[in-house]
Amino acid sequence: MTEDQITKAVLAHWRALGLPGTLVASIPNMGARGQHGLTRGLPDLLVLSPELPVGFIELKTDKGRVRPEQQNFASMCDALEIHHAITRGRDEPIRILEQWNVVRKAA
């Protein structure tokens, strides 16, 4: 799967099984190469939930690599005690959303 396909699948899963009071949204920052308002290293998904209350998910293909700017963002989240995950494939981000009580587990 491409990263775009993974994003679409994860968002569709949240729309189908998302718990009330939660939000999973794509951060439209692809190709942040100096465009005004874009910041390199931002993750792919913003996650809001009463239990988090905020989290971020970086989506990677099975062969995708983490860029230094993405690792810096993850380190900043760790230092600030903000939920953050770097995931691979379609299933891993969905498991994270289940762990964070953002989506119901599929039957």
C-alpha atoms as a PDB file:
ATOM      1  CA  MET A   1       0.000   0.000   0.000  1.00  0.00           C
ATOM      2  CA  THR A   2       1.090   3.559  -0.633  1.00  0.00           C
ATOM      3  CA  GLU A   3       1.068   6.102   2.186  1.00  0.00           C
ATOM      4  CA  ASP A   4      -1.954   7.762   0.571  1.00  0.00           C
ATOM      5  CA  GLN A   5      -3.823   4.435   0.538  1.00  0.00           C
ATOM      6  CA  ILE A   6      -2.908   3.845   4.183  1.00  0.00           C
ATOM      7  CA  THR A   7      -4.200   7.317   5.111  1.00  0.00           C
ATOM      8  CA  LYS A   8      -7.503   6.695   3.334  1.00  0.00           C
ATOM      9  CA  ALA A   9      -7.911   3.263   4.960  1.00  0.00           C
ATOM     10  CA  VAL A  10      -7.185   4.539   8.483  1.00  0.00           C
ATOM     11  CA  LEU A  11      -9.566   7.489   8.103  1.00  0.00           C
ATOM     12  CA  ALA A  12     -12.289   5.196   6.707  1.00  0.00           C
ATOM     13  CA  HIS A  13     -11.781   2.861   9.674  1.00  0.00           C
ATOM     14  CA  TRP A  14     -12.175   5.760  12.123  1.00  0.00           C
ATOM     15  CA  ARG A  15     -15.309   6.980  10.315  1.00  0.00           C
ATOM     16  CA  ALA A  16     -16.802   3.488  10.640  1.00  0.00           C
ATOM     17  CA  LEU A  17     -15.679   2.627  14.190  1.00  0.00           C
ATOM     18  CA  GLY A  18     -14.679   5.922  15.801  1.00  0.00           C
ATOM     19  CA  LEU A  19     -15.829   6.489  19.355  1.00  0.00           C
ATOM     20  CA  PRO A  20     -17.937   9.556  20.218  1.00  0.00           C
ATOM     21  CA  GLY A  21     -15.947  12.670  21.030  1.00  0.00           C
ATOM     22  CA  THR A  22     -12.941  11.623  18.937  1.00  0.00           C
ATOM     23  CA  LEU A  23     -11.380  13.002  15.784  1.00  0.00           C
ATOM     24  CA  VAL A  24      -8.794  11.645  13.383  1.00  0.00           C
ATOM     25  CA  ALA A  25      -7.757  14.127  10.707  1.00  0.00           C
ATOM     26  CA  SER A  26      -5.119  14.244   8.029  1.00  0.00           C
ATOM     27  CA  ILE A  27      -2.511  16.994   8.328  1.00  0.00           C
ATOM     28  CA  PRO A  28      -2.150  18.286   4.738  1.00  0.00           C
ATOM     29  CA  ASN A  29       1.571  18.893   4.760  1.00  0.00           C
ATOM     30  CA  MET A  30       2.843  16.667   1.928  1.00  0.00           C
ATOM     31  CA  GLY A  31       5.906  18.003   0.237  1.00  0.00           C
ATOM     32  CA  ALA A  32       6.627  20.761   2.770  1.00  0.00           C
ATOM     33  CA  ARG A  33       9.481  22.318   0.851  1.00  0.00           C
ATOM     34  CA  GLY A  34       9.479  25.905   1.972  1.00  0.00           C
ATOM     35  CA  GLN A  35       5.845  26.686   1.167  1.00  0.00           C
ATOM     36  CA  HIS A  36       4.381  29.289   3.478  1.00  0.00           C
ATOM     37  CA  GLY A  37       2.693  27.679   6.482  1.00  0.00           C
ATOM     38  CA  LEU A  38       4.078  24.181   5.964  1.00  0.00           C
ATOM     39  CA  THR A  39       6.572  22.585   8.342  1.00  0.00           C
ATOM     40  CA  ARG A  40       8.788  19.632   7.476  1.00  0.00           C
ATOM     41  CA  GLY A  41       8.476  16.684   9.819  1.00  0.00           C
ATOM     42  CA  LEU A  42       4.855  17.108  10.862  1.00  0.00           C
ATOM     43  CA  PRO A  43       3.083  13.744  11.196  1.00  0.00           C
ATOM     44  CA  ASP A  44       0.305  12.550   8.909  1.00  0.00           C
ATOM     45  CA  LEU A  45      -2.583  12.343  11.381  1.00  0.00           C
ATOM     46  CA  LEU A  46      -3.893  14.476  14.228  1.00  0.00           C
ATOM     47  CA  VAL A  47      -5.846  12.505  16.844  1.00  0.00           C
ATOM     48  CA  LEU A  48      -8.147  14.092  19.437  1.00  0.00           C
ATOM     49  CA  SER A  49      -9.877  12.169  22.184  1.00  0.00           C
ATOM     50  CA  PRO A  50     -11.133  12.730  25.722  1.00  0.00           C
ATOM     51  CA  GLU A  51      -8.530  10.239  26.972  1.00  0.00           C
ATOM     52  CA  LEU A  52      -5.410  11.583  25.173  1.00  0.00           C
ATOM     53  CA  PRO A  53      -6.404  14.495  24.691  1.00  0.00           C
ATOM     54  CA  VAL A  54      -4.102  14.936  21.664  1.00  0.00           C
ATOM     55  CA  GLY A  55      -1.919  12.554  19.688  1.00  0.00           C
ATOM     56  CA  PHE A  56      -0.117  12.290  16.383  1.00  0.00           C
ATOM     57  CA  ILE A  57       0.502   9.367  14.040  1.00  0.00           C
ATOM     58  CA  GLU A  58       3.204   9.202  11.403  1.00  0.00           C
ATOM     59  CA  LEU A  59       2.241   6.761   8.659  1.00  0.00           C
ATOM     60  CA  LYS A  60       4.911   4.829   6.786  1.00  0.00           C
ATOM     61  CA  THR A  61       4.780   2.154   4.138  1.00  0.00           C
ATOM     62  CA  ASP A  62       6.468  -1.117   5.002  1.00  0.00           C
ATOM     63  CA  LYS A  63       9.655   0.187   3.376  1.00  0.00           C
ATOM     64  CA  GLY A  64       9.294   3.885   4.242  1.00  0.00           C
ATOM     65  CA  ARG A  65      12.020   5.536   6.271  1.00  0.00           C
ATOM     66  CA  VAL A  66      11.742   8.094   9.049  1.00  0.00           C
ATOM     67  CA  ARG A  67      13.310  11.412   8.083  1.00  0.00           C
ATOM     68  CA  PRO A  68      15.347  13.380  10.663  1.00  0.00           C
ATOM     69  CA  GLU A  69      12.648  16.079  10.861  1.00  0.00           C
ATOM     70  CA  GLN A  70      10.053  13.414  11.677  1.00  0.00           C
ATOM     71  CA  GLN A  71      12.270  11.936  14.379  1.00  0.00           C
ATOM     72  CA  ASN A  72      12.778  15.434  15.821  1.00  0.00           C
ATOM     73  CA  PHE A  73       9.000  15.893  16.008  1.00  0.00           C
ATOM     74  CA  ALA A  74       8.653  12.512  17.745  1.00  0.00           C
ATOM     75  CA  SER A  75      11.354  13.495  20.250  1.00  0.00           C
ATOM     76  CA  MET A  76       9.576  16.787  20.940  1.00  0.00           C
ATOM     77  CA  CYS A  77       6.332  14.905  21.592  1.00  0.00           C
ATOM     78  CA  ASP A  78       8.159  12.558  23.980  1.00  0.00           C
ATOM     79  CA  ALA A  79       9.662  15.515  25.865  1.00  0.00           C
ATOM     80  CA  LEU A  80       6.236  17.173  26.149  1.00  0.00           C
ATOM     81  CA  GLU A  81       4.503  13.875  27.036  1.00  0.00           C
ATOM     82  CA  ILE A  82       2.273  14.045  23.955  1.00  0.00           C
ATOM     83  CA  HIS A  83       1.060  10.759  22.464  1.00  0.00           C
ATOM     84  CA  HIS A  84       2.898  10.007  19.233  1.00  0.00           C
ATOM     85  CA  ALA A  85       3.448   6.899  17.117  1.00  0.00           C
ATOM     86  CA  ILE A  86       5.410   6.085  13.995  1.00  0.00           C
ATOM     87  CA  THR A  87       3.579   3.232  12.304  1.00  0.00           C
ATOM     88  CA  ARG A  88       4.032   0.959   9.303  1.00  0.00           C
ATOM     89  CA  GLY A  89       1.359  -0.406   7.004  1.00  0.00           C
ATOM     90  CA  ARG A  90      -2.411  -0.228   7.410  1.00  0.00           C
ATOM     91  CA  ASP A  91      -2.961  -2.341  10.525  1.00  0.00           C
ATOM     92  CA  GLU A  92      -0.443  -0.782  12.908  1.00  0.00           C
ATOM     93  CA  PRO A  93      -2.029   2.707  13.014  1.00  0.00           C
ATOM     94  CA  ILE A  94      -5.435   1.099  13.557  1.00  0.00           C
ATOM     95  CA  ARG A  95      -4.013  -0.859  16.526  1.00  0.00           C
ATOM     96  CA  ILE A  96      -2.667   2.425  17.928  1.00  0.00           C
ATOM     97  CA  LEU A  97      -6.124   4.023  17.585  1.00  0.00           C
ATOM     98  CA  GLU A  98      -7.588   1.039  19.435  1.00  0.00           C
ATOM     99  CA  GLN A  99      -4.957   1.340  22.200  1.00  0.00           C
ATOM    100  CA  TRP A 100      -5.683   5.066  22.503  1.00  0.00           C
ATOM    101  CA  ASN A 101      -9.461   4.270  22.760  1.00  0.00           C
ATOM    102  CA  VAL A 102     -10.254   6.303  19.654  1.00  0.00           C
ATOM    103  CA  VAL A 103     -11.899   3.447  17.698  1.00  0.00           C
ATOM    104  CA  ARG A 104     -13.817   0.347  18.727  1.00  0.00           C
ATOM    105  CA  LYS A 105     -12.082  -2.935  18.085  1.00  0.00           C
ATOM    106  CA  ALA A 106     -13.513  -4.629  15.009  1.00  0.00           C
ATOM    107  CA  ALA A 107     -15.499  -7.749  15.800  1.00  0.00           C
END
